[in-house]
Amino acid sequence: MKEFWNAFTNGIWKENPLLVIILGLCPTLAVSGSANDAFGMSLALAFVLIFSNIFISFIRKWVPNDLRIPLFIIVISTFVTIIDYSMNAFQPELYKNLGVFVPLIVVNCIILGRAEAYAYKNTVMNSLADGLGMSIGYMLVITFIGIVREISGNGTLTLLNHQLLYLGDSYRPALIMIMPPGAFLVMGSLFAFKKWLNARKERS
């Protein structure tokens, strides 16, 4: 149980895929212009990461070492195809907004990295915990980036296709925040905040 809990919590903070391992930045920066798109991307990645971790861990004893990477890609692409078709069928607007970044989950470094570094070497339950923790860690960061960018750059906040906030016509948004530079500004600020917290913890 302790190993399960450690595997789960590591991905949320200690080994956060965006703030610590620094993987998967390309789709994060590209689709985080709104909270709704960022959250949708995190759900798609979570589905693929969790189920590919489970399946790869389940078959790891029968996978030849020389063939592991091609087999990982086959497994991952299968789950990507499932989520790709599902989003196209049930969330066509979100699917259109995310564009090519849903199919590109196949080559997302987070997915392949966790398959190689963790799922291939650990039990199914621990791999499930790792997938859940990494997914939640990714979801928290990318959704926060989307919230900050949407509010500051558009004056609105939309989540799960519901508008939660509208600052009115008098609000003057900082349009740079919903453009590519805005993504780098928010991401850089999060890196700095994480580093400051770590330094403060070490001093104490």
Foldseek 3Di string as FASTA:
>chain_A
DVLLVCLQQCCQFVPPVCQHVNFPVVLLLQQLLALALLLVLLVLLLQLQLVLLLVLLVCLVVDDPVCSLVVSLVSSQVSLVVSLVVCCVPPVVSSVSSDPVSNVSSVGCVRSVCSVPPSSPDHNSSSNSNSNNNSNNSNVVSSVLSQVNCCQQPVWHAHPNRTPTHNDPVDDHPNVLSPSVVSVVSSVVSNVVSVVVVVVVVVD
